[in-house]
């Protein structure tokens, strides 16, 4: 008979847990037989002692199988998913999912809502009137088969083990463990039932992982889990030291994403989206990375990617006119310009603080119960490396409540560092990981 006490002791002393022990532990914890205080001790032991790739893969599979496993077989063709570890202004799903769908690969995506300084794709899409993200299974399959793409909120009894473990990690200072992060992310991805998975591991001040080496280590762990589960998996390490694009806030980010689908939009957002889209197509067997990049560009140039976005909006109950006319989106009544306090160059932007400033304007949730102001947010006018003169407008703040502007402006100013020299430029895509191989750019 197994005892949790023995497993905690084994991991505390640097031992390796067996498959039977890991599966027993996850099952008993979800059933309520193992109390939180014992699982807290195990999480802390893992935090300090780590887990082997084998332990991590087994624990991920156990977490994935702790609830419903989504069967996407009613959706015809290859299904590919993308997961981002999150960031500020990270609206890439809104751009790349229609591109990939327009190239003939299915995107059946379940996305989360935003909490804290990172926005949720589901929240952003709901800034389009009528659009529903709570489709039932049959509706979801039908929209994907018809349009190639649907994005819905996570529903049903997916990975209950992860929900319990994450809540516990959050209050026991064990969130920042690479194996436990890998288990949490990949558990949900394996339960979601796609054939191939592209991971966008963000790194920098606006990301969960602040250091490149940690991001690469996490990418290696997660791709190894995907490979072990028989899924074609790769990861890109992308920069999140500076917010992506110019728009931060729900309706604003959808409008900016639509600009990219129309062949316009910010260069940094375009570049990251092209890298992600071509890698998703590559994992789906659509040719070499270069060929896949050309395909992605073609469907933007000929308007098919934008058309797919409109089809998805309509399929999910929304007004497709919003895809073509950004003037239809709600506009915030209150507005303020933020100006530079000195001459020089923007040497650094604390992306996380900028995300917090956006939340303070009403664009994000402080708690799960918070109601989002879809029109609130920030438009960046100057970014890292740009020259500024004292008094230049560096950002515009938008909100529905005048009283929120002062606090958000102070927070934004505190996030900007103006220096005498321009910082060194670095690539937006820092590395690629596939089958244990790391290619740095």
Protein backbone atom coordinates (compact mmCIF):
# COMPACT_ATOMS: atom_id res chain seq x y z
CA UNK A 1 0.00 0.00 0.00
CA UNK A 2 1.36 3.44 -0.98
CA UNK A 3 1.65 6.29 1.50
CA UNK A 4 2.05 9.95 0.52
CA UNK A 5 4.47 10.36 3.42
CA UNK A 6 6.91 7.89 1.78
CA UNK A 7 6.66 9.64 -1.60
CA UNK A 8 7.37 13.06 -0.05
CA UNK A 9 10.38 11.62 1.77
CA UNK A 10 11.67 9.96 -1.42
CA UNK A 11 11.45 13.17 -3.47
CA UNK A 12 12.83 15.29 -0.59
CA UNK A 13 15.94 13.11 -0.58
CA UNK A 14 16.43 13.41 -4.35
CA UNK A 15 14.83 10.13 -5.41
CA UNK A 16 12.88 9.45 -8.61
CA UNK A 17 9.17 8.67 -8.35
CA UNK A 18 7.93 5.65 -10.31
CA UNK A 19 5.08 5.76 -12.82
CA UNK A 20 2.75 3.94 -10.43
CA UNK A 21 3.60 6.36 -7.61
CA UNK A 22 2.97 9.46 -9.75
CA UNK A 23 -0.33 8.20 -11.18
CA UNK A 24 -1.52 7.10 -7.72
CA UNK A 25 -0.58 10.50 -6.22
CA UNK A 26 -2.47 12.55 -8.86
CA UNK A 27 -5.57 10.30 -8.70
CA UNK A 28 -5.72 10.33 -4.91
CA UNK A 29 -5.19 14.11 -4.76
CA UNK A 30 -8.02 14.80 -7.23
CA UNK A 31 -10.27 12.39 -5.27
CA UNK A 32 -9.54 14.32 -2.07
CA UNK A 33 -7.75 11.44 -0.33
CA UNK A 34 -4.43 13.32 -0.18
CA UNK A 35 -4.75 16.57 1.82
CA UNK A 36 -3.42 19.92 0.58
CA UNK A 37 -0.73 20.06 3.28
CA UNK A 38 0.87 16.83 2.02
CA UNK A 39 0.67 17.88 -1.65
CA UNK A 40 2.18 21.26 -0.65
CA UNK A 41 5.14 19.41 0.84
CA UNK A 42 5.53 17.38 -2.37
CA UNK A 43 5.39 20.53 -4.54
CA UNK A 44 8.10 22.14 -2.41
CA UNK A 45 10.22 18.97 -2.67
CA UNK A 46 9.82 19.06 -6.48
CA UNK A 47 10.62 22.80 -6.46
CA UNK A 48 14.00 22.10 -4.84
CA UNK A 49 14.82 18.65 -6.24
CA UNK A 50 13.29 18.95 -9.72
CA UNK A 51 11.95 16.06 -11.83
CA UNK A 52 13.49 13.95 -14.58
CA UNK A 53 12.02 14.15 -18.11
CA UNK A 54 10.42 10.76 -17.50
CA UNK A 55 8.77 11.89 -14.24
CA UNK A 56 7.59 15.12 -15.89
CA UNK A 57 6.07 13.25 -18.87
CA UNK A 58 4.25 10.76 -16.64
CA UNK A 59 2.92 13.48 -14.33
CA UNK A 60 1.73 15.51 -17.36
CA UNK A 61 -0.12 12.49 -18.74
CA UNK A 62 -1.70 11.82 -15.34
CA UNK A 63 -2.84 15.47 -15.10
CA UNK A 64 -4.19 15.36 -18.69
CA UNK A 65 -6.17 12.19 -17.92
CA UNK A 66 -7.52 13.47 -14.57
CA UNK A 67 -10.64 14.74 -16.37
CA UNK A 68 -12.14 14.76 -19.87
CA UNK A 69 -9.89 14.09 -22.86
CA UNK A 70 -11.21 16.02 -25.88
CA UNK A 71 -11.74 13.86 -28.95
CA UNK A 72 -11.32 16.06 -32.04
CA UNK A 73 -11.82 13.18 -34.51
CA UNK A 74 -15.14 14.65 -35.78
CA UNK A 75 -13.03 17.53 -37.17
CA UNK A 76 -11.64 16.58 -40.58
CA UNK A 77 -7.93 17.02 -41.35
CA UNK A 78 -4.84 17.92 -39.30
CA UNK A 79 -5.50 19.96 -36.16
CA UNK A 80 -2.71 22.22 -34.87
CA UNK A 81 -2.65 24.27 -31.67
CA UNK A 82 -0.51 27.14 -30.43
CA UNK A 83 0.08 27.98 -26.79
CA UNK A 84 1.74 31.16 -25.56
CA UNK A 85 3.11 31.47 -22.05
CA UNK A 86 1.57 34.95 -22.12
CA UNK A 87 2.61 38.54 -22.28
CA UNK A 88 1.59 42.14 -22.78
CA UNK A 89 -0.03 43.01 -26.09
CA UNK A 90 0.22 39.34 -27.09
CA UNK A 91 -2.57 39.10 -29.63
CA UNK A 92 -0.84 36.61 -31.94
CA UNK A 93 -3.63 33.97 -31.87
CA UNK A 94 -6.02 36.48 -33.47
CA UNK A 95 -3.63 36.79 -36.44
CA UNK A 96 -2.10 33.35 -36.87
CA UNK A 97 -5.21 31.18 -36.41
CA UNK A 98 -6.98 32.69 -39.49
CA UNK A 99 -3.71 32.50 -41.51
CA UNK A 100 -3.25 28.80 -40.69
CA UNK A 101 -6.93 28.03 -41.36
CA UNK A 102 -6.74 29.83 -44.73
CA UNK A 103 -3.84 27.49 -45.63
CA UNK A 104 -6.06 24.45 -45.08
CA UNK A 105 -5.02 23.41 -41.57
CA UNK A 106 -7.68 23.22 -38.84
CA UNK A 107 -7.39 25.39 -35.70
CA UNK A 108 -9.73 24.14 -32.95
CA UNK A 109 -8.60 26.35 -30.09
CA UNK A 110 -9.56 26.50 -26.45
CA UNK A 111 -8.23 29.67 -24.84
CA UNK A 112 -8.23 31.12 -21.35
CA UNK A 113 -9.42 34.45 -20.02
CA UNK A 114 -7.01 37.11 -18.85
CA UNK A 115 -6.10 37.56 -15.19
CA UNK A 116 -3.67 40.19 -13.95
CA UNK A 117 -1.43 41.89 -16.51
CA UNK A 118 -1.82 39.37 -19.36
CA UNK A 119 -4.88 39.52 -21.58
CA UNK A 120 -6.99 36.52 -22.62
CA UNK A 121 -7.81 35.77 -26.27
CA UNK A 122 -11.41 34.91 -25.34
CA UNK A 123 -11.91 38.34 -23.71
CA UNK A 124 -10.48 40.09 -26.76
CA UNK A 125 -12.81 38.28 -29.17
CA UNK A 126 -15.81 39.13 -27.01
CA UNK A 127 -15.26 42.81 -27.83
CA UNK A 128 -17.04 41.92 -31.11
CA UNK A 129 -20.82 42.17 -30.43
CA UNK A 130 -22.67 38.87 -30.44
CA UNK A 131 -19.57 36.68 -30.65
CA UNK A 132 -19.92 33.66 -28.36
CA UNK A 133 -16.98 31.75 -26.90
CA UNK A 134 -19.17 29.30 -24.95
CA UNK A 135 -20.06 26.98 -27.86
CA UNK A 136 -20.98 23.43 -26.97
CA UNK A 137 -19.00 20.54 -28.46
CA UNK A 138 -21.22 20.02 -31.51
CA UNK A 139 -21.28 23.75 -32.35
CA UNK A 140 -17.50 23.93 -31.91
CA UNK A 141 -16.87 21.00 -34.27
CA UNK A 142 -19.35 22.37 -36.79
CA UNK A 143 -17.73 25.84 -36.93
CA UNK A 144 -14.22 24.36 -37.32
CA UNK A 145 -15.33 21.97 -40.09
CA UNK A 146 -17.08 24.80 -41.91
CA UNK A 147 -14.58 27.66 -41.48
CA UNK A 148 -11.35 25.89 -40.45
CA UNK A 149 -11.20 27.82 -37.19
CA UNK A 150 -12.98 28.44 -33.86
CA UNK A 151 -11.74 29.88 -30.57
CA UNK A 152 -13.73 29.05 -27.45
CA UNK A 153 -13.29 29.26 -23.69
CA UNK A 154 -12.14 26.23 -21.74
CA UNK A 155 -15.16 24.27 -20.62
CA UNK A 156 -16.15 20.93 -19.18
CA UNK A 157 -14.06 18.89 -16.80
CA UNK A 158 -10.64 19.45 -18.39
CA UNK A 159 -7.57 18.77 -16.20
CA UNK A 160 -9.14 19.11 -12.72
CA UNK A 161 -5.76 18.05 -11.29
CA UNK A 162 -4.13 21.12 -12.83
CA UNK A 163 -6.77 23.46 -11.38
CA UNK A 164 -6.16 22.06 -7.88
CA UNK A 165 -2.37 21.97 -8.22
CA UNK A 166 -2.16 25.48 -9.67
CA UNK A 167 -4.27 26.97 -6.86
CA UNK A 168 -1.92 25.29 -4.38
CA UNK A 169 1.26 26.40 -6.16
CA UNK A 170 -0.07 29.95 -6.19
CA UNK A 171 -0.19 30.12 -2.37
CA UNK A 172 2.90 28.03 -1.55
CA UNK A 173 5.52 29.95 -3.62
CA UNK A 174 6.05 26.96 -5.94
CA UNK A 175 4.78 28.51 -9.20
CA UNK A 176 8.29 29.15 -10.54
CA UNK A 177 9.32 25.53 -11.04
CA UNK A 178 10.14 24.61 -14.65
CA UNK A 179 8.90 20.98 -14.40
CA UNK A 180 5.65 22.07 -12.70
CA UNK A 181 5.04 24.82 -15.30
CA UNK A 182 5.64 22.24 -18.06
CA UNK A 183 3.18 19.79 -16.43
CA UNK A 184 0.51 22.51 -16.10
CA UNK A 185 0.75 23.80 -19.68
CA UNK A 186 1.23 20.48 -21.44
CA UNK A 187 -1.41 18.70 -19.34
CA UNK A 188 -4.01 21.09 -20.78
CA UNK A 189 -2.56 20.80 -24.31
CA UNK A 190 -2.61 16.98 -24.30
CA UNK A 191 -6.19 16.96 -22.97
CA UNK A 192 -7.24 19.31 -25.81
CA UNK A 193 -6.67 16.59 -28.43
CA UNK A 194 -4.72 18.33 -31.24
CA UNK A 195 -2.29 16.53 -33.59
CA UNK A 196 0.51 19.11 -33.39
CA UNK A 197 1.44 21.79 -30.85
CA UNK A 198 3.52 24.94 -31.28
CA UNK A 199 4.66 26.57 -28.06
CA UNK A 200 5.39 30.30 -27.93
CA UNK A 201 7.61 30.67 -24.86
CA UNK A 202 7.83 34.38 -24.14
CA UNK A 203 10.82 35.76 -22.27
CA UNK A 204 11.64 39.13 -20.69
CA UNK A 205 10.10 41.69 -18.35
CA UNK A 206 6.50 41.15 -19.55
CA UNK A 207 6.72 37.36 -19.51
CA UNK A 208 6.51 34.63 -16.89
CA UNK A 209 10.12 33.64 -17.65
CA UNK A 210 12.46 36.60 -17.29
CA UNK A 211 15.69 34.90 -18.49
CA UNK A 212 16.41 33.35 -21.90
CA UNK A 213 18.11 30.25 -20.47
CA UNK A 214 15.08 29.49 -18.26
CA UNK A 215 12.78 29.91 -21.28
CA UNK A 216 14.89 27.47 -23.32
CA UNK A 217 14.90 24.97 -20.45
CA UNK A 218 11.08 25.19 -20.21
CA UNK A 219 10.76 24.81 -24.00
CA UNK A 220 12.95 21.69 -23.95
CA UNK A 221 10.85 20.15 -21.16
CA UNK A 222 7.55 20.89 -22.91
CA UNK A 223 8.62 19.70 -26.37
CA UNK A 224 9.96 16.48 -24.81
CA UNK A 225 6.53 15.90 -23.20
CA UNK A 226 4.79 16.52 -26.55
CA UNK A 227 7.14 14.16 -28.37
CA UNK A 228 6.64 11.45 -25.72
CA UNK A 229 2.86 11.77 -26.21
CA UNK A 230 3.21 11.29 -29.98
CA UNK A 231 2.40 14.92 -30.90
CA UNK A 232 4.54 16.90 -33.35
CA UNK A 233 5.83 19.65 -31.05
CA UNK A 234 8.16 22.62 -31.39
CA UNK A 235 8.76 25.84 -29.47
CA UNK A 236 9.81 29.36 -30.36
CA UNK A 237 11.35 31.63 -27.73
CA UNK A 238 10.01 35.14 -28.39
CA UNK A 239 10.93 38.46 -26.81
CA UNK A 240 8.49 40.01 -24.34
CA UNK A 241 10.76 42.68 -22.88
CA UNK A 242 8.74 45.23 -24.85
CA UNK A 243 4.98 44.90 -25.42
CA UNK A 244 4.09 43.36 -28.79
CA UNK A 245 2.62 45.84 -31.28
CA UNK A 246 1.28 49.25 -30.22
CA UNK A 247 -2.12 48.29 -28.74
CA UNK A 248 -2.80 46.95 -25.23
CA UNK A 249 -6.47 46.37 -24.40
CA UNK A 250 -9.22 44.16 -25.78
CA UNK A 251 -10.95 45.96 -28.67
CA UNK A 252 -7.71 47.81 -29.51
CA UNK A 253 -5.80 44.54 -29.86
CA UNK A 254 -8.46 43.02 -32.13
CA UNK A 255 -8.30 46.15 -34.34
CA UNK A 256 -4.50 45.92 -34.51
CA UNK A 257 -4.65 42.19 -35.35
CA UNK A 258 -7.06 42.95 -38.19
CA UNK A 259 -4.56 45.51 -39.52
CA UNK A 260 -1.96 42.73 -39.77
CA UNK A 261 -4.45 40.48 -41.57
CA UNK A 262 -4.96 43.35 -44.02
CA UNK A 263 -1.21 43.44 -44.72
CA UNK A 264 -0.55 46.45 -42.50
CA UNK A 265 0.11 46.81 -38.77
CA UNK A 266 3.25 47.03 -36.59
CA UNK A 267 6.43 45.37 -37.90
CA UNK A 268 7.23 43.53 -34.65
CA UNK A 269 3.77 41.96 -34.45
CA UNK A 270 3.91 40.99 -38.14
CA UNK A 271 7.33 39.37 -37.73
CA UNK A 272 6.39 37.28 -34.67
CA UNK A 273 3.08 36.22 -36.27
CA UNK A 274 4.79 35.13 -39.50
CA UNK A 275 7.29 33.05 -37.49
CA UNK A 276 4.51 31.41 -35.46
CA UNK A 277 2.18 30.80 -38.43
CA UNK A 278 4.92 29.26 -40.60
CA UNK A 279 5.96 26.95 -37.74
CA UNK A 280 2.36 25.82 -37.19
CA UNK A 281 2.03 25.02 -40.90
CA UNK A 282 5.39 23.22 -40.82
CA UNK A 283 4.26 21.02 -37.90
CA UNK A 284 1.07 20.25 -39.86
CA UNK A 285 3.18 18.91 -42.75
CA UNK A 286 2.67 21.78 -45.18
CA UNK A 287 6.30 21.90 -46.39
CA UNK A 288 9.61 23.45 -45.31
CA UNK A 289 9.62 26.47 -42.98
CA UNK A 290 10.42 28.72 -45.95
CA UNK A 291 7.57 27.27 -48.05
CA UNK A 292 5.20 27.64 -45.11
CA UNK A 293 6.21 31.28 -44.65
CA UNK A 294 5.41 31.94 -48.32
CA UNK A 295 1.98 30.29 -47.93
CA UNK A 296 1.24 32.44 -44.88
CA UNK A 297 2.19 35.59 -46.78
CA UNK A 298 0.04 34.59 -49.78
CA UNK A 299 -3.18 34.25 -47.74
CA UNK A 300 -2.60 37.70 -46.23
CA UNK A 301 -1.89 39.22 -49.67
CA UNK A 302 -4.98 37.68 -51.31
CA UNK A 303 -7.32 38.49 -48.40
CA UNK A 304 -8.16 34.86 -47.54
CA UNK A 305 -6.83 35.13 -43.95
CA UNK A 306 -9.06 38.14 -43.23
CA UNK A 307 -11.99 36.29 -44.80
CA UNK A 308 -11.37 33.33 -42.45
CA UNK A 309 -11.42 35.67 -39.45
CA UNK A 310 -14.79 37.07 -40.62
CA UNK A 311 -16.12 33.52 -41.18
CA UNK A 312 -15.09 32.53 -37.64
CA UNK A 313 -16.75 35.64 -36.16
CA UNK A 314 -19.98 34.87 -38.03
CA UNK A 315 -19.80 31.16 -37.16
CA UNK A 316 -19.59 32.06 -33.46
CA UNK A 317 -22.55 34.44 -33.63
CA UNK A 318 -20.70 37.74 -34.09
CA UNK A 319 -21.04 40.55 -36.60
CA UNK A 320 -18.62 39.86 -39.50
CA UNK A 321 -18.61 43.53 -40.53
CA UNK A 322 -16.22 44.19 -37.64
CA UNK A 323 -13.51 42.26 -39.50
CA UNK A 324 -13.58 44.80 -42.31
CA UNK A 325 -14.50 48.04 -40.54
CA UNK A 326 -12.54 48.79 -37.35
CA UNK A 327 -14.51 52.02 -36.82
CA UNK A 328 -17.40 49.88 -35.57
CA UNK A 329 -15.56 48.93 -32.34
CA UNK A 330 -16.54 50.74 -29.12
CA UNK A 331 -14.41 53.77 -28.30
CA UNK A 332 -13.52 54.89 -24.77
CA UNK A 333 -14.91 58.31 -23.78
CA UNK A 334 -11.93 59.35 -21.61
CA UNK A 335 -8.46 59.90 -23.02
CA UNK A 336 -5.06 61.23 -21.90
CA UNK A 337 -1.66 61.68 -23.50
CA UNK A 338 1.44 60.58 -21.58
CA UNK A 339 4.52 62.71 -22.39
CA UNK A 340 8.28 62.14 -22.09
CA UNK A 341 9.89 63.72 -19.03
CA UNK A 342 13.32 64.17 -20.66
CA UNK A 343 15.24 64.13 -23.95
CA UNK A 344 16.97 60.92 -24.99
CA UNK A 345 16.08 57.38 -26.05
CA UNK A 346 13.63 54.91 -24.56
CA UNK A 347 16.21 52.57 -23.07
CA UNK A 348 13.81 50.11 -21.43
CA UNK A 349 10.10 49.41 -21.01
CA UNK A 350 8.91 47.29 -18.09
CA UNK A 351 6.26 45.39 -20.05
CA UNK A 352 4.66 43.89 -16.93
CA UNK A 353 4.14 47.33 -15.37
CA UNK A 354 2.65 48.60 -18.64
CA UNK A 355 0.26 45.64 -18.58
CA UNK A 356 -0.69 46.59 -15.00
CA UNK A 357 -1.33 50.20 -16.11
CA UNK A 358 -3.70 48.86 -18.78
CA UNK A 359 -5.51 46.77 -16.14
CA UNK A 360 -5.81 49.87 -13.94
CA UNK A 361 -7.69 51.56 -16.82
CA UNK A 362 -10.22 48.69 -16.79
CA UNK A 363 -8.78 46.60 -19.64
CA UNK A 364 -7.98 43.58 -17.45
CA UNK A 365 -9.15 41.72 -14.37
CA UNK A 366 -7.81 42.43 -10.90
CA UNK A 367 -9.94 39.48 -9.68
CA UNK A 368 -11.88 36.71 -11.44
CA UNK A 369 -15.12 38.64 -10.82
CA UNK A 370 -13.92 41.91 -12.41
CA UNK A 371 -15.90 43.22 -15.38
CA UNK A 372 -13.68 44.24 -18.31
CA UNK A 373 -14.02 47.59 -20.08
CA UNK A 374 -13.58 46.41 -23.70
CA UNK A 375 -12.72 49.92 -24.95
CA UNK A 376 -10.04 50.64 -22.31
CA UNK A 377 -6.32 50.32 -22.88
CA UNK A 378 -3.12 51.94 -24.06
CA UNK A 379 -1.76 52.89 -27.48
CA UNK A 380 2.04 53.07 -27.46
CA UNK A 381 3.47 55.99 -29.44
CA UNK A 382 7.15 55.36 -28.65
CA UNK A 383 8.86 52.04 -27.94
CA UNK A 384 12.27 50.78 -26.86
CA UNK A 385 15.02 52.34 -29.00
CA UNK A 386 12.97 55.35 -30.13
CA UNK A 387 14.39 58.87 -29.73
CA UNK A 388 12.21 61.25 -27.69
CA UNK A 389 12.21 64.94 -26.80
CA UNK A 390 10.82 66.22 -23.51
CA UNK A 391 7.07 66.72 -23.98
CA UNK A 392 6.74 64.19 -26.83
CA UNK A 393 3.67 61.96 -26.59
CA UNK A 394 4.90 58.46 -25.69
CA UNK A 395 1.50 56.81 -25.07
CA UNK A 396 -2.26 57.41 -25.11
CA UNK A 397 -4.47 56.12 -22.30
CA UNK A 398 -8.15 55.24 -22.86
CA UNK A 399 -10.83 54.42 -20.28
CA UNK A 400 -14.52 54.86 -19.48
CA UNK A 401 -13.77 56.33 -16.04
CA UNK A 402 -11.89 59.64 -15.79
CA UNK A 403 -10.76 58.90 -12.21
CA UNK A 404 -8.64 55.94 -13.37
CA UNK A 405 -6.32 58.08 -15.53
CA UNK A 406 -4.03 59.53 -12.82
CA UNK A 407 -3.01 56.20 -11.31
CA UNK A 408 -2.52 54.55 -14.70
CA UNK A 409 -0.40 57.47 -15.95
CA UNK A 410 1.87 57.27 -12.88
CA UNK A 411 2.23 53.52 -13.37
CA UNK A 412 3.07 53.95 -17.07
CA UNK A 413 5.69 56.64 -16.37
CA UNK A 414 7.35 54.37 -13.79
CA UNK A 415 7.65 51.64 -16.45
CA UNK A 416 9.64 53.81 -18.90
CA UNK A 417 13.39 54.40 -18.65
CA UNK A 418 14.82 57.23 -20.79
CA UNK A 419 18.59 57.07 -21.34
CA UNK A 420 21.29 58.95 -23.29
CA UNK A 421 21.94 56.18 -25.79
CA UNK A 422 19.74 53.82 -27.80
CA UNK A 423 19.79 50.21 -26.50
CA UNK A 424 21.20 47.41 -28.63
CA UNK A 425 18.61 45.84 -30.93
CA UNK A 426 17.83 42.17 -30.31
CA UNK A 427 15.84 39.69 -32.39
CA UNK A 428 12.13 39.18 -31.74
CA UNK A 429 12.47 35.41 -32.13
CA UNK A 430 15.41 34.41 -29.95
CA UNK A 431 15.50 30.63 -30.41
CA UNK A 432 13.70 27.56 -31.74
CA UNK A 433 13.48 24.18 -29.99
CA UNK A 434 12.47 20.88 -31.62
CA UNK A 435 13.33 17.29 -30.65
CA UNK A 436 15.84 18.44 -28.03
CA UNK A 437 17.75 20.64 -30.49
CA UNK A 438 18.10 24.35 -29.72
CA UNK A 439 18.75 26.82 -32.52
CA UNK A 440 19.55 30.35 -31.31
CA UNK A 441 19.04 33.35 -33.59
